[in-house]
Structures are given as structure tokens and as C-alpha cells.
Amino acid sequence: YIGALCRYLIYEKDFVEGLRFASDVAALTVTKKGAQISIPYFNEVKEYFKEDRNYE
């Protein structure tokens, strides 16, 4: 969660959107087995939530 939030804040700088992004990453992470291999790439998050979010 914190890694996703930091990544978003570095590139996008919107704290509220960063929290939403981190929550989305966490939601996708728990759908897979494993620790590091379950962390989604940015494009996976963008694609999965494309109808609800506008991640650039």
C-alpha cells in the first residue's frame, strides 16, 4: 500500500488520488498468491479500473 502511494505521489502529486490508487493496488494484490509476484504493474491497475478511474 505505502509503496503504491509513494509511487503515485512522486509522479502525480495528488494525495487523495494517491490514496485511491494505493487502495486499488492493494485490492488487486490480494487476488493473487505470493508476496512480490502479486504486486500489479501500473498498466494492470489502469486496465482493471479503467471504467471507474482515469489513471494516466
PDB file of N, CA and C in Angstrom:
ATOM      1  N   TYR A   1       0.826  -1.191   0.000  1.00  0.00           N
ATOM      2  CA  TYR A   1       0.000   0.000   0.000  1.00  0.00           C
ATOM      3  C   TYR A   1       0.869   1.253   0.000  1.00  0.00           C
ATOM      4  N   ILE A   2       1.810   1.310   0.914  1.00  0.00           N
ATOM      5  CA  ILE A   2       2.629   2.517   1.041  1.00  0.00           C
ATOM      6  C   ILE A   2       3.517   2.720  -0.184  1.00  0.00           C
ATOM      7  N   GLY A   3       3.986   1.622  -0.772  1.00  0.00           N
ATOM      8  CA  GLY A   3       4.791   1.735  -1.987  1.00  0.00           C
ATOM      9  C   GLY A   3       3.989   2.293  -3.142  1.00  0.00           C
ATOM     10  N   ALA A   4       2.751   1.842  -3.281  1.00  0.00           N
ATOM     11  CA  ALA A   4       1.882   2.349  -4.347  1.00  0.00           C
ATOM     12  C   ALA A   4       1.557   3.820  -4.117  1.00  0.00           C
ATOM     13  N   LEU A   5       1.313   4.189  -2.874  1.00  0.00           N
ATOM     14  CA  LEU A   5       1.027   5.591  -2.554  1.00  0.00           C
ATOM     15  C   LEU A   5       2.232   6.471  -2.884  1.00  0.00           C
ATOM     16  N   CYS A   6       3.414   6.043  -2.489  1.00  0.00           N
ATOM     17  CA  CYS A   6       4.628   6.814  -2.779  1.00  0.00           C
ATOM     18  C   CYS A   6       4.854   6.944  -4.277  1.00  0.00           C
ATOM     19  N   ARG A   7       4.662   5.869  -5.004  1.00  0.00           N
ATOM     20  CA  ARG A   7       4.835   5.903  -6.459  1.00  0.00           C
ATOM     21  C   ARG A   7       3.896   6.921  -7.077  1.00  0.00           C
ATOM     22  N   TYR A   8       2.652   6.924  -6.640  1.00  0.00           N
ATOM     23  CA  TYR A   8       1.672   7.850  -7.205  1.00  0.00           C
ATOM     24  C   TYR A   8       2.016   9.295  -6.850  1.00  0.00           C
ATOM     25  N   LEU A   9       2.414   9.528  -5.624  1.00  0.00           N
ATOM     26  CA  LEU A   9       2.725  10.896  -5.203  1.00  0.00           C
ATOM     27  C   LEU A   9       3.953  11.448  -5.912  1.00  0.00           C
ATOM     28  N   ILE A  10       4.914  10.590  -6.221  1.00  0.00           N
ATOM     29  CA  ILE A  10       6.109  11.038  -6.939  1.00  0.00           C
ATOM     30  C   ILE A  10       5.749  11.532  -8.337  1.00  0.00           C
ATOM     31  N   TYR A  11       4.867  10.812  -9.023  1.00  0.00           N
ATOM     32  CA  TYR A  11       4.554  11.145 -10.408  1.00  0.00           C
ATOM     33  C   TYR A  11       3.321  12.022 -10.577  1.00  0.00           C
ATOM     34  N   GLU A  12       2.351  11.900  -9.701  1.00  0.00           N
ATOM     35  CA  GLU A  12       1.086  12.601  -9.899  1.00  0.00           C
ATOM     36  C   GLU A  12       0.844  13.736  -8.903  1.00  0.00           C
ATOM     37  N   LYS A  13       1.313  13.588  -7.677  1.00  0.00           N
ATOM     38  CA  LYS A  13       1.275  14.621  -6.642  1.00  0.00           C
ATOM     39  C   LYS A  13      -0.114  14.970  -6.112  1.00  0.00           C
ATOM     40  N   ASP A  14      -1.102  14.155  -6.320  1.00  0.00           N
ATOM     41  CA  ASP A  14      -2.431  14.389  -5.746  1.00  0.00           C
ATOM     42  C   ASP A  14      -2.654  13.363  -4.641  1.00  0.00           C
ATOM     43  N   PHE A  15      -2.698  13.825  -3.396  1.00  0.00           N
ATOM     44  CA  PHE A  15      -2.739  12.918  -2.254  1.00  0.00           C
ATOM     45  C   PHE A  15      -3.999  12.057  -2.215  1.00  0.00           C
ATOM     46  N   VAL A  16      -5.156  12.651  -2.436  1.00  0.00           N
ATOM     47  CA  VAL A  16      -6.415  11.894  -2.382  1.00  0.00           C
ATOM     48  C   VAL A  16      -6.456  10.842  -3.484  1.00  0.00           C
ATOM     49  N   GLU A  17      -6.049  11.212  -4.684  1.00  0.00           N
ATOM     50  CA  GLU A  17      -5.982  10.238  -5.776  1.00  0.00           C
ATOM     51  C   GLU A  17      -4.938   9.165  -5.475  1.00  0.00           C
ATOM     52  N   GLY A  18      -3.866   9.556  -4.823  1.00  0.00           N
ATOM     53  CA  GLY A  18      -2.835   8.599  -4.431  1.00  0.00           C
ATOM     54  C   GLY A  18      -3.369   7.558  -3.468  1.00  0.00           C
ATOM     55  N   LEU A  19      -4.189   7.983  -2.527  1.00  0.00           N
ATOM     56  CA  LEU A  19      -4.822   7.039  -1.602  1.00  0.00           C
ATOM     57  C   LEU A  19      -5.742   6.077  -2.345  1.00  0.00           C
ATOM     58  N   ARG A  20      -6.480   6.600  -3.295  1.00  0.00           N
ATOM     59  CA  ARG A  20      -7.379   5.756  -4.091  1.00  0.00           C
ATOM     60  C   ARG A  20      -6.574   4.747  -4.915  1.00  0.00           C
ATOM     61  N   PHE A  21      -5.481   5.222  -5.527  1.00  0.00           N
ATOM     62  CA  PHE A  21      -4.620   4.343  -6.310  1.00  0.00           C
ATOM     63  C   PHE A  21      -4.029   3.244  -5.437  1.00  0.00           C
ATOM     64  N   ALA A  22      -3.525   3.604  -4.260  1.00  0.00           N
ATOM     65  CA  ALA A  22      -2.936   2.617  -3.348  1.00  0.00           C
ATOM     66  C   ALA A  22      -3.971   1.579  -2.933  1.00  0.00           C
ATOM     67  N   SER A  23      -5.190   2.000  -2.715  1.00  0.00           N
ATOM     68  CA  SER A  23      -6.264   1.056  -2.368  1.00  0.00           C
ATOM     69  C   SER A  23      -6.568   0.125  -3.534  1.00  0.00           C
ATOM     70  N   ASP A  24      -6.550   0.664  -4.739  1.00  0.00           N
ATOM     71  CA  ASP A  24      -6.778  -0.169  -5.922  1.00  0.00           C
ATOM     72  C   ASP A  24      -5.662  -1.193  -6.093  1.00  0.00           C
ATOM     73  N   VAL A  25      -4.431  -0.779  -5.883  1.00  0.00           N
ATOM     74  CA  VAL A  25      -3.296  -1.704  -5.957  1.00  0.00           C
ATOM     75  C   VAL A  25      -3.448  -2.798  -4.909  1.00  0.00           C
ATOM     76  N   ALA A  26      -3.809  -2.420  -3.700  1.00  0.00           N
ATOM     77  CA  ALA A  26      -3.996  -3.404  -2.630  1.00  0.00           C
ATOM     78  C   ALA A  26      -5.112  -4.380  -2.978  1.00  0.00           C
ATOM     79  N   ALA A  27      -6.185  -3.876  -3.571  1.00  0.00           N
ATOM     80  CA  ALA A  27      -7.301  -4.741  -3.959  1.00  0.00           C
ATOM     81  C   ALA A  27      -6.861  -5.777  -4.990  1.00  0.00           C
ATOM     82  N   LEU A  28      -6.067  -5.366  -5.957  1.00  0.00           N
ATOM     83  CA  LEU A  28      -5.573  -6.317  -6.959  1.00  0.00           C
ATOM     84  C   LEU A  28      -4.543  -7.276  -6.369  1.00  0.00           C
ATOM     85  N   THR A  29      -3.737  -6.806  -5.456  1.00  0.00           N
ATOM     86  CA  THR A  29      -2.687  -7.627  -4.852  1.00  0.00           C
ATOM     87  C   THR A  29      -3.255  -8.845  -4.136  1.00  0.00           C
ATOM     88  N   VAL A  30      -4.351  -8.675  -3.432  1.00  0.00           N
ATOM     89  CA  VAL A  30      -4.900  -9.792  -2.654  1.00  0.00           C
ATOM     90  C   VAL A  30      -5.630 -10.817  -3.516  1.00  0.00           C
ATOM     91  N   THR A  31      -5.724 -10.580  -4.823  1.00  0.00           N
ATOM     92  CA  THR A  31      -6.375 -11.553  -5.703  1.00  0.00           C
ATOM     93  C   THR A  31      -5.403 -12.608  -6.224  1.00  0.00           C
ATOM     94  N   LYS A  32      -4.102 -12.447  -5.914  1.00  0.00           N
ATOM     95  CA  LYS A  32      -3.082 -13.378  -6.404  1.00  0.00           C
ATOM     96  C   LYS A  32      -2.301 -13.972  -5.244  1.00  0.00           C
ATOM     97  N   LYS A  33      -1.720 -15.138  -5.476  1.00  0.00           N
ATOM     98  CA  LYS A  33      -0.848 -15.764  -4.477  1.00  0.00           C
ATOM     99  C   LYS A  33       0.551 -15.179  -4.580  1.00  0.00           C
ATOM    100  N   GLY A  34       1.246 -15.191  -3.450  1.00  0.00           N
ATOM    101  CA  GLY A  34       2.629 -14.732  -3.425  1.00  0.00           C
ATOM    102  C   GLY A  34       2.739 -13.299  -2.945  1.00  0.00           C
ATOM    103  N   ALA A  35       3.924 -12.940  -2.517  1.00  0.00           N
ATOM    104  CA  ALA A  35       4.138 -11.590  -1.998  1.00  0.00           C
ATOM    105  C   ALA A  35       4.511 -10.633  -3.127  1.00  0.00           C
ATOM    106  N   GLN A  36       5.727 -10.733  -3.603  1.00  0.00           N
ATOM    107  CA  GLN A  36       6.177  -9.803  -4.635  1.00  0.00           C
ATOM    108  C   GLN A  36       5.509 -10.042  -5.980  1.00  0.00           C
ATOM    109  N   ILE A  37       5.256 -11.282  -6.327  1.00  0.00           N
ATOM    110  CA  ILE A  37       4.662 -11.551  -7.640  1.00  0.00           C
ATOM    111  C   ILE A  37       3.202 -11.120  -7.728  1.00  0.00           C
ATOM    112  N   SER A  38       2.589 -10.832  -6.591  1.00  0.00           N
ATOM    113  CA  SER A  38       1.190 -10.409  -6.621  1.00  0.00           C
ATOM    114  C   SER A  38       1.040  -8.900  -6.799  1.00  0.00           C
ATOM    115  N   ILE A  39       2.138  -8.159  -6.704  1.00  0.00           N
ATOM    116  CA  ILE A  39       2.067  -6.706  -6.861  1.00  0.00           C
ATOM    117  C   ILE A  39       1.845  -6.388  -8.342  1.00  0.00           C
ATOM    118  N   PRO A  40       0.754  -5.689  -8.658  1.00  0.00           N
ATOM    119  CA  PRO A  40       0.450  -5.421 -10.068  1.00  0.00           C
ATOM    120  C   PRO A  40       1.297  -4.287 -10.643  1.00  0.00           C
ATOM    121  N   TYR A  41       1.517  -4.351 -11.947  1.00  0.00           N
ATOM    122  CA  TYR A  41       2.151  -3.252 -12.662  1.00  0.00           C
ATOM    123  C   TYR A  41       1.130  -2.132 -12.825  1.00  0.00           C
ATOM    124  N   PHE A  42       1.624  -0.919 -13.055  1.00  0.00           N
ATOM    125  CA  PHE A  42       0.745   0.238 -13.218  1.00  0.00           C
ATOM    126  C   PHE A  42      -0.294  -0.004 -14.309  1.00  0.00           C
ATOM    127  N   ASN A  43       0.141  -0.580 -15.430  1.00  0.00           N
ATOM    128  CA  ASN A  43      -0.791  -0.829 -16.540  1.00  0.00           C
ATOM    129  C   ASN A  43      -1.900  -1.806 -16.156  1.00  0.00           C
ATOM    130  N   GLU A  44      -1.602  -2.768 -15.297  1.00  0.00           N
ATOM    131  CA  GLU A  44      -2.630  -3.700 -14.823  1.00  0.00           C
ATOM    132  C   GLU A  44      -3.684  -2.966 -14.002  1.00  0.00           C
ATOM    133  N   VAL A  45      -3.244  -2.076 -13.133  1.00  0.00           N
ATOM    134  CA  VAL A  45      -4.177  -1.300 -12.313  1.00  0.00           C
ATOM    135  C   VAL A  45      -5.017  -0.398 -13.213  1.00  0.00           C
ATOM    136  N   LYS A  46      -4.358   0.266 -14.132  1.00  0.00           N
ATOM    137  CA  LYS A  46      -5.030   1.169 -15.070  1.00  0.00           C
ATOM    138  C   LYS A  46      -6.090   0.423 -15.881  1.00  0.00           C
ATOM    139  N   GLU A  47      -5.757  -0.748 -16.381  1.00  0.00           N
ATOM    140  CA  GLU A  47      -6.684  -1.544 -17.189  1.00  0.00           C
ATOM    141  C   GLU A  47      -7.845  -2.076 -16.355  1.00  0.00           C
ATOM    142  N   TYR A  48      -7.561  -2.586 -15.177  1.00  0.00           N
ATOM    143  CA  TYR A  48      -8.596  -3.195 -14.340  1.00  0.00           C
ATOM    144  C   TYR A  48      -9.637  -2.173 -13.886  1.00  0.00           C
ATOM    145  N   PHE A  49      -9.191  -0.962 -13.581  1.00  0.00           N
ATOM    146  CA  PHE A  49     -10.088   0.063 -13.060  1.00  0.00           C
ATOM    147  C   PHE A  49     -10.430   1.137 -14.095  1.00  0.00           C
ATOM    148  N   LYS A  50     -10.256   0.835 -15.379  1.00  0.00           N
ATOM    149  CA  LYS A  50     -10.415   1.854 -16.421  1.00  0.00           C
ATOM    150  C   LYS A  50     -11.809   2.475 -16.469  1.00  0.00           C
ATOM    151  N   GLU A  51     -12.834   1.743 -16.076  1.00  0.00           N
ATOM    152  CA  GLU A  51     -14.187   2.300 -16.124  1.00  0.00           C
ATOM    153  C   GLU A  51     -14.493   3.192 -14.930  1.00  0.00           C
ATOM    154  N   ASP A  52     -13.748   3.026 -13.837  1.00  0.00           N
ATOM    155  CA  ASP A  52     -14.006   3.798 -12.621  1.00  0.00           C
ATOM    156  C   ASP A  52     -12.990   4.906 -12.371  1.00  0.00           C
ATOM    157  N   ARG A  53     -11.816   4.787 -12.954  1.00  0.00           N
ATOM    158  CA  ARG A  53     -10.737   5.740 -12.683  1.00  0.00           C
ATOM    159  C   ARG A  53     -10.135   6.242 -13.989  1.00  0.00           C
ATOM    160  N   ASN A  54      -9.378   7.325 -13.869  1.00  0.00           N
ATOM    161  CA  ASN A  54      -8.688   7.876 -15.035  1.00  0.00           C
ATOM    162  C   ASN A  54      -7.196   8.005 -14.728  1.00  0.00           C
ATOM    163  N   TYR A  55      -6.527   6.870 -14.534  1.00  0.00           N
ATOM    164  CA  TYR A  55      -5.095   6.898 -14.251  1.00  0.00           C
ATOM    165  C   TYR A  55      -4.340   7.142 -15.543  1.00  0.00           C
ATOM    166  N   GLU A  56      -3.421   8.075 -15.491  1.00  0.00           N
ATOM    167  CA  GLU A  56      -2.618   8.412 -16.674  1.00  0.00           C
ATOM    168  C   GLU A  56      -1.223   7.885 -16.530  1.00  0.00           C
TER     169      GLU A  56
END
